[in-house]
N, C-alpha and C. Protein backbone atom coordinates (compact mmCIF):
# COMPACT_ATOMS: atom_id res chain seq x y z
N MET A 1 -3.36 -17.61 -1.12
CA MET A 1 -2.08 -17.20 -1.70
C MET A 1 -1.90 -17.85 -3.07
N ARG A 2 -1.43 -17.08 -4.03
CA ARG A 2 -1.27 -17.59 -5.38
C ARG A 2 -0.08 -18.53 -5.48
N THR A 3 -0.20 -19.54 -6.34
CA THR A 3 0.89 -20.49 -6.55
C THR A 3 1.57 -20.33 -7.89
N ASP A 4 0.94 -19.58 -8.83
CA ASP A 4 1.60 -19.34 -10.12
C ASP A 4 2.77 -18.39 -9.92
N VAL A 5 3.79 -18.54 -10.73
CA VAL A 5 5.03 -17.77 -10.57
C VAL A 5 5.23 -16.87 -11.78
N PRO A 6 5.32 -15.55 -11.59
CA PRO A 6 5.62 -14.66 -12.72
C PRO A 6 6.93 -15.05 -13.37
N THR A 7 7.01 -14.89 -14.68
CA THR A 7 8.20 -15.35 -15.41
C THR A 7 9.10 -14.22 -15.87
N ASP A 8 8.69 -12.97 -15.70
CA ASP A 8 9.52 -11.88 -16.22
C ASP A 8 9.81 -10.86 -15.13
N TYR A 9 10.33 -11.32 -13.97
CA TYR A 9 10.68 -10.43 -12.87
C TYR A 9 11.68 -9.36 -13.28
N MET A 10 12.49 -9.63 -14.31
CA MET A 10 13.52 -8.69 -14.72
C MET A 10 12.98 -7.59 -15.63
N ASN A 11 11.71 -7.63 -15.94
CA ASN A 11 11.09 -6.59 -16.77
C ASN A 11 10.53 -5.51 -15.85
N PRO A 12 11.17 -4.32 -15.79
CA PRO A 12 10.70 -3.28 -14.86
C PRO A 12 9.34 -2.70 -15.21
N SER A 13 8.85 -2.98 -16.42
CA SER A 13 7.54 -2.46 -16.82
C SER A 13 6.40 -3.37 -16.39
N ALA A 14 6.72 -4.60 -15.98
CA ALA A 14 5.67 -5.54 -15.59
C ALA A 14 5.07 -5.14 -14.24
N VAL A 15 3.77 -5.32 -14.11
CA VAL A 15 3.07 -5.00 -12.87
C VAL A 15 2.34 -6.25 -12.38
N TYR A 16 2.57 -6.61 -11.12
CA TYR A 16 1.96 -7.79 -10.53
C TYR A 16 1.20 -7.42 -9.26
N ASP A 17 0.48 -8.39 -8.74
CA ASP A 17 -0.03 -8.26 -7.38
C ASP A 17 1.15 -8.14 -6.43
N GLY A 18 0.90 -7.69 -5.19
CA GLY A 18 1.96 -7.63 -4.21
C GLY A 18 2.69 -8.96 -4.09
N TRP A 19 4.01 -8.93 -3.91
CA TRP A 19 4.80 -10.16 -3.89
C TRP A 19 4.33 -11.13 -2.81
N TRP A 20 3.73 -10.61 -1.73
CA TRP A 20 3.29 -11.48 -0.63
C TRP A 20 2.11 -12.36 -1.03
N ASN A 21 1.53 -12.11 -2.23
CA ASN A 21 0.46 -12.95 -2.73
C ASN A 21 0.97 -14.21 -3.42
N PHE A 22 2.27 -14.31 -3.62
CA PHE A 22 2.85 -15.46 -4.29
C PHE A 22 3.64 -16.29 -3.27
N GLY A 23 3.30 -17.56 -3.16
CA GLY A 23 3.92 -18.41 -2.16
C GLY A 23 5.42 -18.46 -2.24
N SER A 24 5.98 -18.57 -3.45
CA SER A 24 7.43 -18.68 -3.60
C SER A 24 8.13 -17.40 -3.18
N ALA A 25 7.54 -16.24 -3.51
CA ALA A 25 8.15 -14.96 -3.14
C ALA A 25 8.06 -14.74 -1.63
N TYR A 26 6.94 -15.10 -1.03
CA TYR A 26 6.79 -14.92 0.41
C TYR A 26 7.78 -15.81 1.17
N LYS A 27 7.99 -17.01 0.69
CA LYS A 27 8.96 -17.90 1.33
C LYS A 27 10.37 -17.33 1.21
N ALA A 28 10.72 -16.83 0.02
CA ALA A 28 12.05 -16.25 -0.19
C ALA A 28 12.26 -15.04 0.70
N ALA A 29 11.20 -14.26 0.93
CA ALA A 29 11.31 -13.03 1.73
C ALA A 29 11.63 -13.30 3.19
N GLN A 30 11.51 -14.54 3.62
CA GLN A 30 11.80 -14.88 5.00
C GLN A 30 13.29 -15.15 5.25
N ALA A 31 14.08 -15.12 4.19
CA ALA A 31 15.52 -15.35 4.35
C ALA A 31 16.15 -14.23 5.17
N LYS A 32 16.97 -14.60 6.11
CA LYS A 32 17.70 -13.64 6.94
C LYS A 32 19.13 -13.57 6.41
N ILE A 33 19.48 -12.44 5.80
CA ILE A 33 20.74 -12.29 5.07
C ILE A 33 21.68 -11.39 5.87
N LYS A 34 22.76 -11.96 6.36
CA LYS A 34 23.65 -11.26 7.29
C LYS A 34 24.21 -9.98 6.70
N THR A 35 24.56 -9.99 5.41
CA THR A 35 25.18 -8.81 4.80
C THR A 35 24.20 -7.66 4.61
N PHE A 36 22.91 -7.89 4.83
CA PHE A 36 21.92 -6.83 4.74
C PHE A 36 21.75 -6.10 6.07
N ILE A 37 22.48 -6.51 7.09
CA ILE A 37 22.32 -5.95 8.43
C ILE A 37 23.57 -5.17 8.83
N CYS A 38 23.38 -3.95 9.30
CA CYS A 38 24.50 -3.17 9.83
C CYS A 38 24.93 -3.76 11.17
N PRO A 39 26.24 -3.99 11.38
CA PRO A 39 26.70 -4.55 12.66
C PRO A 39 26.37 -3.67 13.86
N SER A 40 26.09 -2.40 13.64
CA SER A 40 25.76 -1.49 14.75
C SER A 40 24.28 -1.48 15.09
N ASP A 41 23.47 -2.28 14.40
CA ASP A 41 22.02 -2.25 14.61
C ASP A 41 21.48 -3.67 14.61
N ASP A 42 20.27 -3.83 15.11
CA ASP A 42 19.57 -5.10 15.05
C ASP A 42 18.12 -4.85 14.68
N PRO A 43 17.80 -4.87 13.37
CA PRO A 43 16.42 -4.59 12.95
C PRO A 43 15.42 -5.64 13.38
N TYR A 44 15.90 -6.78 13.91
CA TYR A 44 14.98 -7.82 14.37
C TYR A 44 14.40 -7.52 15.75
N THR A 45 14.77 -6.38 16.32
CA THR A 45 14.20 -6.00 17.62
C THR A 45 12.91 -5.19 17.47
N ALA A 46 12.45 -4.94 16.25
CA ALA A 46 11.22 -4.15 16.06
C ALA A 46 10.05 -4.79 16.79
N THR A 47 9.22 -3.96 17.41
CA THR A 47 8.10 -4.46 18.20
C THR A 47 6.74 -4.15 17.59
N ASP A 48 6.70 -3.46 16.46
CA ASP A 48 5.42 -3.03 15.90
C ASP A 48 5.21 -3.58 14.49
N THR A 49 6.00 -3.10 13.54
CA THR A 49 5.73 -3.37 12.13
C THR A 49 7.01 -3.62 11.36
N VAL A 50 6.93 -4.52 10.39
CA VAL A 50 7.98 -4.67 9.39
C VAL A 50 7.43 -4.11 8.10
N ASP A 51 8.03 -3.03 7.61
CA ASP A 51 7.51 -2.34 6.43
C ASP A 51 7.96 -3.03 5.16
N VAL A 52 7.03 -3.22 4.23
CA VAL A 52 7.31 -3.96 3.02
C VAL A 52 7.14 -3.12 1.76
N ILE A 53 6.57 -1.94 1.88
CA ILE A 53 6.38 -1.06 0.73
C ILE A 53 6.79 0.36 1.11
N LEU A 54 7.55 0.99 0.26
CA LEU A 54 7.93 2.39 0.46
C LEU A 54 7.96 3.03 -0.91
N HIS A 55 7.05 4.01 -1.14
CA HIS A 55 6.93 4.53 -2.50
C HIS A 55 6.39 5.95 -2.52
N PRO A 56 7.04 6.88 -3.23
CA PRO A 56 6.49 8.22 -3.39
C PRO A 56 5.26 8.18 -4.31
N VAL A 57 4.23 8.90 -3.95
CA VAL A 57 2.99 8.93 -4.73
C VAL A 57 2.62 10.38 -5.02
N ARG A 58 2.29 10.67 -6.28
CA ARG A 58 1.85 12.01 -6.67
C ARG A 58 0.40 12.20 -6.26
N LEU A 59 0.13 13.27 -5.52
CA LEU A 59 -1.22 13.56 -5.05
C LEU A 59 -1.96 14.55 -5.93
N SER A 60 -1.22 15.50 -6.49
CA SER A 60 -1.80 16.54 -7.32
C SER A 60 -0.71 17.02 -8.27
N PRO A 61 -1.00 17.96 -9.18
CA PRO A 61 0.02 18.39 -10.13
C PRO A 61 1.32 18.86 -9.48
N ASN A 62 1.29 19.33 -8.25
CA ASN A 62 2.51 19.85 -7.65
C ASN A 62 2.75 19.36 -6.22
N SER A 63 2.18 18.22 -5.87
CA SER A 63 2.40 17.72 -4.51
C SER A 63 2.54 16.20 -4.52
N TRP A 64 3.21 15.68 -3.50
CA TRP A 64 3.43 14.24 -3.38
C TRP A 64 3.63 13.91 -1.91
N GLU A 65 3.52 12.63 -1.58
CA GLU A 65 3.84 12.19 -0.25
C GLU A 65 4.44 10.78 -0.31
N LEU A 66 5.08 10.39 0.76
CA LEU A 66 5.72 9.08 0.83
C LEU A 66 4.80 8.12 1.57
N LEU A 67 4.43 7.04 0.89
CA LEU A 67 3.53 6.06 1.48
C LEU A 67 4.30 4.82 1.89
N ARG A 68 3.83 4.19 2.97
CA ARG A 68 4.43 2.95 3.42
C ARG A 68 3.32 1.98 3.80
N GLN A 69 3.66 0.70 3.71
CA GLN A 69 2.73 -0.36 4.09
C GLN A 69 3.51 -1.43 4.81
N GLY A 70 2.95 -1.98 5.85
CA GLY A 70 3.69 -2.98 6.60
C GLY A 70 2.82 -4.09 7.14
N PHE A 71 3.50 -5.14 7.61
CA PHE A 71 2.85 -6.25 8.30
C PHE A 71 3.19 -6.16 9.78
N PRO A 72 2.25 -6.36 10.68
CA PRO A 72 2.55 -6.33 12.12
C PRO A 72 3.48 -7.48 12.50
N VAL A 73 4.36 -7.23 13.45
CA VAL A 73 5.32 -8.26 13.84
C VAL A 73 4.66 -9.39 14.62
N ASN A 74 3.45 -9.18 15.12
CA ASN A 74 2.75 -10.28 15.79
C ASN A 74 1.94 -11.09 14.80
N GLY A 75 2.18 -10.83 13.52
CA GLY A 75 1.53 -11.58 12.46
C GLY A 75 2.55 -11.97 11.41
N ALA A 76 2.22 -11.72 10.13
CA ALA A 76 3.09 -12.16 9.03
C ALA A 76 4.44 -11.46 9.02
N GLY A 77 4.51 -10.23 9.57
CA GLY A 77 5.75 -9.49 9.49
C GLY A 77 6.90 -10.11 10.25
N ASN A 78 6.61 -10.84 11.30
CA ASN A 78 7.68 -11.37 12.14
C ASN A 78 8.56 -12.37 11.40
N ALA A 79 8.02 -13.00 10.36
CA ALA A 79 8.78 -14.01 9.63
C ALA A 79 9.74 -13.41 8.60
N LEU A 80 9.57 -12.13 8.27
CA LEU A 80 10.29 -11.56 7.14
C LEU A 80 11.75 -11.22 7.48
N GLY A 81 12.63 -11.46 6.51
CA GLY A 81 14.01 -11.01 6.63
C GLY A 81 14.08 -9.50 6.53
N ARG A 82 15.01 -8.90 7.27
CA ARG A 82 15.04 -7.45 7.40
C ARG A 82 16.37 -6.88 6.90
N THR A 83 16.40 -5.57 6.77
CA THR A 83 17.58 -4.93 6.20
C THR A 83 17.78 -3.54 6.79
N ASN A 84 19.03 -3.08 6.72
CA ASN A 84 19.37 -1.70 7.07
C ASN A 84 19.68 -0.86 5.84
N TYR A 85 19.58 -1.42 4.65
CA TYR A 85 20.06 -0.72 3.46
C TYR A 85 18.96 -0.59 2.41
N LEU A 86 18.80 0.63 1.90
CA LEU A 86 17.80 0.90 0.86
C LEU A 86 18.46 1.62 -0.31
N GLY A 87 17.90 1.44 -1.51
CA GLY A 87 18.38 2.17 -2.66
C GLY A 87 18.05 3.66 -2.54
N VAL A 88 18.79 4.47 -3.26
CA VAL A 88 18.58 5.92 -3.26
C VAL A 88 17.66 6.29 -4.42
N ALA A 89 16.49 6.84 -4.10
CA ALA A 89 15.52 7.21 -5.13
C ALA A 89 15.71 8.63 -5.65
N GLY A 90 16.67 9.38 -5.07
CA GLY A 90 16.79 10.79 -5.39
C GLY A 90 15.77 11.60 -4.61
N PHE A 91 15.55 12.85 -5.02
CA PHE A 91 14.67 13.74 -4.26
C PHE A 91 13.33 13.09 -3.95
N SER A 92 12.64 12.60 -4.99
CA SER A 92 11.37 11.92 -4.77
C SER A 92 11.12 10.84 -5.82
N GLY A 93 12.19 10.31 -6.41
CA GLY A 93 12.01 9.35 -7.49
C GLY A 93 11.50 10.05 -8.74
N VAL A 94 10.73 9.33 -9.54
CA VAL A 94 10.10 9.89 -10.74
C VAL A 94 8.59 9.82 -10.53
N ILE A 95 7.97 10.98 -10.36
CA ILE A 95 6.55 11.04 -10.04
C ILE A 95 5.78 11.96 -10.98
N GLY A 96 6.41 12.41 -12.06
CA GLY A 96 5.70 13.24 -13.03
C GLY A 96 5.69 14.72 -12.71
N ILE A 97 6.50 15.15 -11.76
CA ILE A 97 6.68 16.58 -11.47
C ILE A 97 8.09 16.94 -11.93
N PRO A 98 8.24 17.69 -13.04
CA PRO A 98 9.55 17.90 -13.64
C PRO A 98 10.62 18.42 -12.68
N SER A 99 10.28 19.36 -11.81
CA SER A 99 11.27 19.92 -10.90
C SER A 99 11.75 18.88 -9.89
N ASN A 100 10.91 17.90 -9.57
CA ASN A 100 11.31 16.79 -8.70
C ASN A 100 12.09 15.74 -9.49
N ASP A 101 11.56 15.38 -10.65
CA ASP A 101 12.15 14.30 -11.43
C ASP A 101 13.55 14.64 -11.92
N PHE A 102 13.87 15.92 -12.03
CA PHE A 102 15.22 16.37 -12.38
C PHE A 102 16.26 15.81 -11.41
N LEU A 103 15.84 15.57 -10.17
CA LEU A 103 16.73 15.06 -9.14
C LEU A 103 16.46 13.59 -8.82
N ALA A 104 16.02 12.83 -9.83
CA ALA A 104 15.77 11.40 -9.63
C ALA A 104 17.08 10.68 -9.34
N GLY A 105 16.99 9.68 -8.48
CA GLY A 105 18.14 8.87 -8.16
C GLY A 105 18.16 7.57 -8.94
N CYS A 106 19.18 6.75 -8.70
CA CYS A 106 19.35 5.50 -9.45
C CYS A 106 18.17 4.55 -9.28
N PHE A 107 17.56 4.55 -8.09
CA PHE A 107 16.51 3.59 -7.81
C PHE A 107 15.14 4.25 -7.70
N TYR A 108 14.80 5.06 -8.71
CA TYR A 108 13.42 5.51 -8.80
C TYR A 108 12.54 4.31 -9.16
N ASN A 109 11.23 4.44 -8.99
CA ASN A 109 10.33 3.31 -9.20
C ASN A 109 10.43 2.76 -10.61
N ARG A 110 10.66 1.47 -10.72
CA ARG A 110 10.77 0.75 -11.99
C ARG A 110 11.97 1.21 -12.82
N SER A 111 13.00 1.61 -12.15
CA SER A 111 14.23 2.02 -12.84
C SER A 111 14.85 0.85 -13.60
N SER A 112 15.38 1.15 -14.77
CA SER A 112 16.16 0.17 -15.54
C SER A 112 17.52 0.78 -15.87
N LEU A 113 18.02 1.59 -14.97
CA LEU A 113 19.25 2.36 -15.16
C LEU A 113 20.46 1.46 -15.32
N ARG A 114 21.40 1.91 -16.16
CA ARG A 114 22.71 1.28 -16.30
C ARG A 114 23.77 2.24 -15.81
N ILE A 115 24.93 1.71 -15.46
CA ILE A 115 26.02 2.56 -14.99
C ILE A 115 26.34 3.65 -16.01
N SER A 116 26.26 3.31 -17.28
CA SER A 116 26.58 4.28 -18.33
C SER A 116 25.56 5.41 -18.41
N ASP A 117 24.40 5.25 -17.77
CA ASP A 117 23.37 6.29 -17.78
C ASP A 117 23.62 7.37 -16.72
N ILE A 118 24.57 7.15 -15.83
CA ILE A 118 24.80 8.09 -14.74
C ILE A 118 25.60 9.27 -15.26
N THR A 119 24.92 10.40 -15.43
CA THR A 119 25.53 11.57 -16.05
C THR A 119 25.59 12.76 -15.11
N ALA A 120 25.43 12.52 -13.82
CA ALA A 120 25.58 13.61 -12.85
C ALA A 120 26.97 14.21 -13.00
N GLY A 121 27.13 15.48 -12.58
CA GLY A 121 28.34 16.25 -12.87
C GLY A 121 29.64 15.56 -12.55
N ASP A 122 29.70 14.78 -11.49
CA ASP A 122 30.95 14.16 -11.09
C ASP A 122 30.97 12.65 -11.25
N GLY A 123 30.00 12.09 -11.95
CA GLY A 123 30.02 10.67 -12.27
C GLY A 123 29.76 9.75 -11.09
N THR A 124 30.11 8.47 -11.29
CA THR A 124 29.75 7.43 -10.33
C THR A 124 30.39 7.64 -8.96
N SER A 125 31.54 8.27 -8.88
CA SER A 125 32.24 8.41 -7.59
C SER A 125 31.59 9.44 -6.68
N ASN A 126 30.66 10.22 -7.21
CA ASN A 126 29.96 11.23 -6.40
C ASN A 126 28.44 11.09 -6.49
N THR A 127 27.97 9.91 -6.88
CA THR A 127 26.54 9.66 -7.00
C THR A 127 26.15 8.54 -6.05
N LEU A 128 25.21 8.81 -5.16
CA LEU A 128 24.79 7.84 -4.14
C LEU A 128 23.95 6.73 -4.75
N MET A 129 24.18 5.49 -4.28
CA MET A 129 23.43 4.34 -4.78
C MET A 129 22.60 3.68 -3.68
N PHE A 130 23.21 3.34 -2.55
CA PHE A 130 22.51 2.75 -1.41
C PHE A 130 22.86 3.53 -0.15
N GLY A 131 21.95 3.53 0.81
CA GLY A 131 22.21 4.17 2.08
C GLY A 131 21.60 3.41 3.24
N GLU A 132 22.03 3.75 4.44
CA GLU A 132 21.50 3.14 5.65
C GLU A 132 20.16 3.75 6.04
N SER A 133 19.26 2.91 6.52
CA SER A 133 18.01 3.40 7.09
C SER A 133 17.53 2.39 8.13
N LEU A 134 17.09 2.90 9.26
CA LEU A 134 16.65 2.04 10.35
C LEU A 134 15.20 1.61 10.21
N GLY A 135 14.42 2.34 9.40
CA GLY A 135 12.99 2.10 9.36
C GLY A 135 12.27 2.77 10.51
N ASP A 136 13.01 3.51 11.33
CA ASP A 136 12.46 4.15 12.51
C ASP A 136 13.42 5.26 12.91
N SER A 137 13.07 6.02 13.92
CA SER A 137 13.98 7.01 14.47
C SER A 137 15.11 6.32 15.22
N PRO A 138 16.35 6.85 15.16
CA PRO A 138 17.44 6.27 15.95
C PRO A 138 17.33 6.57 17.43
N PHE A 139 16.33 7.33 17.81
CA PHE A 139 16.13 7.69 19.21
C PHE A 139 14.93 6.93 19.78
N GLY A 140 15.06 6.43 20.99
CA GLY A 140 13.94 5.77 21.64
C GLY A 140 13.80 4.31 21.25
N PRO A 141 12.75 3.63 21.74
CA PRO A 141 12.56 2.20 21.46
C PRO A 141 12.28 1.94 19.99
N ARG A 142 12.73 0.80 19.51
CA ARG A 142 12.58 0.41 18.10
C ARG A 142 11.18 -0.15 17.85
N LEU A 143 10.43 0.48 16.95
CA LEU A 143 9.10 0.02 16.60
C LEU A 143 9.02 -0.56 15.20
N LEU A 144 9.82 -0.02 14.28
CA LEU A 144 9.69 -0.39 12.86
C LEU A 144 11.02 -0.90 12.30
N SER A 145 10.93 -1.76 11.29
CA SER A 145 12.09 -2.21 10.54
C SER A 145 11.69 -2.34 9.07
N TRP A 146 12.70 -2.42 8.20
CA TRP A 146 12.45 -2.62 6.77
C TRP A 146 12.58 -4.09 6.40
N SER A 147 11.73 -4.56 5.52
CA SER A 147 11.88 -5.86 4.87
C SER A 147 12.75 -5.68 3.63
N TRP A 148 13.76 -6.53 3.47
CA TRP A 148 14.62 -6.38 2.29
C TRP A 148 13.87 -6.70 1.01
N MET A 149 12.84 -7.53 1.08
CA MET A 149 12.12 -7.92 -0.13
C MET A 149 11.34 -6.76 -0.72
N GLY A 150 10.73 -5.92 0.12
CA GLY A 150 9.77 -4.97 -0.42
C GLY A 150 10.16 -3.51 -0.38
N ALA A 151 10.82 -3.08 0.69
CA ALA A 151 11.10 -1.64 0.85
C ALA A 151 12.38 -1.30 0.11
N GLY A 152 12.27 -1.04 -1.17
CA GLY A 152 13.44 -1.00 -2.03
C GLY A 152 14.23 0.28 -2.03
N ALA A 153 13.60 1.46 -1.92
CA ALA A 153 14.33 2.71 -2.09
C ALA A 153 13.71 3.81 -1.25
N MET A 154 14.55 4.80 -0.90
CA MET A 154 14.15 5.92 -0.04
C MET A 154 14.43 7.25 -0.73
N PRO A 155 13.49 8.18 -0.73
CA PRO A 155 13.77 9.53 -1.24
C PRO A 155 14.74 10.27 -0.32
N THR A 156 15.40 11.26 -0.87
CA THR A 156 16.33 12.08 -0.09
C THR A 156 15.76 13.45 0.24
N ALA A 157 14.54 13.74 -0.18
CA ALA A 157 13.95 15.08 -0.01
C ALA A 157 13.97 15.55 1.43
N PHE A 158 13.85 14.62 2.38
CA PHE A 158 13.71 14.99 3.79
C PHE A 158 15.05 15.15 4.49
N GLY A 159 16.14 14.94 3.77
CA GLY A 159 17.46 15.17 4.32
C GLY A 159 17.89 14.14 5.34
N LEU A 160 18.92 14.50 6.13
CA LEU A 160 19.49 13.62 7.14
C LEU A 160 19.47 14.32 8.50
N PRO A 161 18.35 14.29 9.20
CA PRO A 161 18.28 14.97 10.50
C PRO A 161 19.21 14.33 11.53
N ASN A 162 19.62 15.12 12.51
CA ASN A 162 20.46 14.57 13.58
C ASN A 162 19.86 14.84 14.95
N ASP A 163 18.54 15.11 15.00
CA ASP A 163 17.91 15.38 16.28
C ASP A 163 16.66 14.52 16.44
N GLU A 164 16.32 14.24 17.66
CA GLU A 164 15.22 13.34 17.98
C GLU A 164 13.88 13.85 17.49
N ALA A 165 13.70 15.16 17.45
CA ALA A 165 12.40 15.72 17.12
C ALA A 165 12.01 15.49 15.67
N SER A 166 12.98 15.35 14.78
CA SER A 166 12.64 15.31 13.36
C SER A 166 13.01 14.03 12.63
N SER A 167 13.80 13.14 13.24
CA SER A 167 14.23 11.94 12.55
C SER A 167 13.19 10.84 12.67
N GLY A 168 12.85 10.21 11.52
CA GLY A 168 11.82 9.17 11.54
C GLY A 168 12.02 8.14 10.44
N TRP A 169 10.99 7.32 10.20
CA TRP A 169 11.10 6.23 9.24
C TRP A 169 11.30 6.73 7.82
N TRP A 170 10.96 7.97 7.53
CA TRP A 170 11.05 8.52 6.18
C TRP A 170 12.43 9.09 5.87
N HIS A 171 13.41 8.82 6.68
CA HIS A 171 14.77 9.31 6.47
C HIS A 171 15.78 8.17 6.32
N PHE A 172 16.83 8.43 5.56
CA PHE A 172 18.04 7.65 5.74
C PHE A 172 18.61 8.03 7.10
N ASN A 173 18.98 7.04 7.91
CA ASN A 173 19.56 7.32 9.22
C ASN A 173 20.32 6.10 9.71
N SER A 174 20.98 6.21 10.86
CA SER A 174 21.83 5.11 11.30
C SER A 174 22.08 5.18 12.79
N ARG A 175 22.79 4.17 13.31
CA ARG A 175 23.24 4.14 14.69
C ARG A 175 24.63 4.76 14.85
N HIS A 176 25.21 5.27 13.77
CA HIS A 176 26.55 5.84 13.81
C HIS A 176 26.48 7.31 14.19
N ALA A 177 27.30 7.73 15.11
CA ALA A 177 27.28 9.11 15.58
C ALA A 177 27.71 10.07 14.48
N GLY A 178 26.80 10.95 14.08
CA GLY A 178 27.15 12.04 13.17
C GLY A 178 27.17 11.73 11.70
N VAL A 179 27.03 10.46 11.31
CA VAL A 179 27.09 10.12 9.89
C VAL A 179 26.07 9.03 9.55
N VAL A 180 25.73 8.95 8.26
CA VAL A 180 24.96 7.85 7.70
C VAL A 180 25.80 7.28 6.56
N GLN A 181 26.04 5.98 6.59
CA GLN A 181 26.89 5.36 5.58
C GLN A 181 26.13 5.20 4.25
N PHE A 182 26.81 5.59 3.15
CA PHE A 182 26.24 5.42 1.81
C PHE A 182 27.25 4.71 0.92
N CYS A 183 26.73 3.86 0.04
CA CYS A 183 27.54 3.27 -1.02
C CYS A 183 27.35 4.10 -2.28
N PHE A 184 28.45 4.48 -2.91
CA PHE A 184 28.40 5.26 -4.15
C PHE A 184 28.36 4.33 -5.36
N CYS A 185 28.06 4.89 -6.52
CA CYS A 185 27.91 4.08 -7.72
C CYS A 185 29.21 3.49 -8.24
N ASP A 186 30.35 3.92 -7.71
CA ASP A 186 31.62 3.29 -8.06
C ASP A 186 31.99 2.19 -7.08
N GLY A 187 31.11 1.90 -6.12
CA GLY A 187 31.35 0.84 -5.16
C GLY A 187 31.99 1.29 -3.86
N SER A 188 32.41 2.54 -3.76
CA SER A 188 33.03 3.04 -2.54
C SER A 188 31.96 3.33 -1.49
N VAL A 189 32.37 3.38 -0.23
CA VAL A 189 31.46 3.65 0.89
C VAL A 189 32.03 4.81 1.70
N ARG A 190 31.17 5.79 1.98
CA ARG A 190 31.58 6.94 2.78
C ARG A 190 30.44 7.33 3.70
N GLY A 191 30.80 7.98 4.80
CA GLY A 191 29.80 8.49 5.72
C GLY A 191 29.38 9.89 5.32
N ILE A 192 28.07 10.11 5.15
CA ILE A 192 27.53 11.44 4.87
C ILE A 192 27.09 12.05 6.19
N PHE A 193 27.48 13.30 6.42
CA PHE A 193 27.22 13.94 7.70
C PHE A 193 25.72 14.11 7.96
N SER A 194 25.30 13.84 9.18
CA SER A 194 23.93 14.14 9.60
C SER A 194 23.76 15.65 9.74
N GLY A 195 22.52 16.11 9.73
CA GLY A 195 22.24 17.53 9.84
C GLY A 195 22.00 18.22 8.51
N LEU A 196 22.02 17.44 7.41
CA LEU A 196 21.77 18.01 6.07
C LEU A 196 20.27 18.02 5.82
N THR A 197 19.59 18.98 6.39
CA THR A 197 18.14 19.08 6.29
C THR A 197 17.76 20.30 5.45
N PRO A 198 16.51 20.35 4.95
CA PRO A 198 16.09 21.51 4.15
C PRO A 198 16.40 22.82 4.86
N GLY A 199 17.09 23.71 4.16
CA GLY A 199 17.50 24.98 4.73
C GLY A 199 18.95 25.00 5.18
N ALA A 200 19.55 23.83 5.43
CA ALA A 200 20.96 23.75 5.82
C ALA A 200 21.84 24.07 4.62
N GLY A 201 23.04 24.58 4.91
CA GLY A 201 23.92 25.06 3.85
C GLY A 201 24.26 24.03 2.78
N ASP A 202 24.52 22.77 3.16
CA ASP A 202 24.94 21.75 2.20
C ASP A 202 23.82 20.77 1.85
N TYR A 203 22.59 21.11 2.19
CA TYR A 203 21.47 20.25 1.83
C TYR A 203 21.39 20.04 0.32
N GLN A 204 21.59 21.10 -0.46
CA GLN A 204 21.53 20.98 -1.92
C GLN A 204 22.62 20.05 -2.44
N THR A 205 23.79 20.09 -1.82
CA THR A 205 24.87 19.18 -2.23
C THR A 205 24.44 17.74 -2.04
N PHE A 206 23.78 17.45 -0.94
CA PHE A 206 23.26 16.11 -0.68
C PHE A 206 22.25 15.70 -1.75
N LEU A 207 21.35 16.62 -2.12
CA LEU A 207 20.36 16.30 -3.16
C LEU A 207 21.04 16.03 -4.49
N PHE A 208 22.02 16.85 -4.87
CA PHE A 208 22.71 16.63 -6.13
C PHE A 208 23.48 15.31 -6.12
N ALA A 209 24.04 14.95 -4.97
CA ALA A 209 24.74 13.68 -4.86
C ALA A 209 23.80 12.49 -5.00
N SER A 210 22.52 12.69 -4.64
CA SER A 210 21.55 11.60 -4.71
C SER A 210 20.95 11.44 -6.10
N ALA A 211 21.23 12.38 -7.01
CA ALA A 211 20.65 12.36 -8.36
C ALA A 211 21.67 11.84 -9.37
N TYR A 212 21.19 11.16 -10.40
CA TYR A 212 22.12 10.55 -11.36
C TYR A 212 22.23 11.32 -12.68
N ARG A 213 21.39 12.32 -12.91
CA ARG A 213 21.40 12.98 -14.22
C ARG A 213 21.23 14.49 -14.11
N ASP A 214 21.52 15.06 -12.94
CA ASP A 214 21.31 16.49 -12.73
C ASP A 214 22.37 17.35 -13.41
N GLY A 215 23.54 16.78 -13.68
CA GLY A 215 24.60 17.52 -14.36
C GLY A 215 25.31 18.54 -13.50
N MET A 216 25.06 18.54 -12.19
CA MET A 216 25.66 19.51 -11.30
C MET A 216 26.97 18.99 -10.73
N SER A 217 28.02 19.78 -10.83
CA SER A 217 29.31 19.42 -10.25
C SER A 217 29.31 19.76 -8.76
N ILE A 218 29.72 18.79 -7.93
CA ILE A 218 29.71 19.00 -6.49
C ILE A 218 31.05 18.57 -5.88
N ASN A 219 31.31 19.07 -4.68
CA ASN A 219 32.46 18.64 -3.90
C ASN A 219 31.95 17.75 -2.79
N ILE A 220 32.02 16.44 -2.98
CA ILE A 220 31.42 15.50 -2.04
C ILE A 220 32.10 15.55 -0.68
N SER A 221 33.34 16.02 -0.63
CA SER A 221 34.06 16.10 0.65
C SER A 221 33.43 17.12 1.59
N ASN A 222 32.60 18.02 1.06
CA ASN A 222 31.91 18.99 1.91
C ASN A 222 30.87 18.35 2.82
N ILE A 223 30.39 17.15 2.41
CA ILE A 223 29.32 16.51 3.19
C ILE A 223 29.69 15.11 3.66
N SER A 224 30.93 14.69 3.47
CA SER A 224 31.29 13.31 3.81
C SER A 224 32.63 13.24 4.51
N ASN A 225 32.88 12.10 5.14
CA ASN A 225 34.17 11.90 5.79
C ASN A 225 35.14 11.13 4.89
């Protein structure tokens, strides 16, 4: 494990080895932070893996997939502090596909966004910033959890399923019946209705709400409580 400490963590253009290669970062990642945990869930019950990387990757000129990397809980993963909250990357973050990048969210990879940069049609009060995610399906035994240190943001492309057959680690999801809690860019928190999946009537509204520069005016009350 490396002992040298990077000095410009605040530079989003800097690229380093994985944070787990640095002793100081790995030690910090073991902090258990109460405010990162939803009172309705316990991510420390995971029995398989604690995921530390979540990132959209471009595979070809017009395709992409979501990659994850984790540590097994019977090894290094068990020590890591966990979270229920991830940043909103928008449809798929910024991956070099213009039709996807148009719907980028606040926390695309290496984002240096400022509040003043949020130009979506209805501004900060209708733009999603953080959302709940279990790191696993809300149905059945808990196998996976997120590490707060590494799994920074989630795409919205896959929507918010409300059935056991389709909900998984690649979704924002929660233990709350019928909703997933999101924090908006103005600091407010609202529940977004589950069932907003590709093909559903208000799925596009959810995508526009997750983007910061799409310029589309939406009625957020159509998808939230």
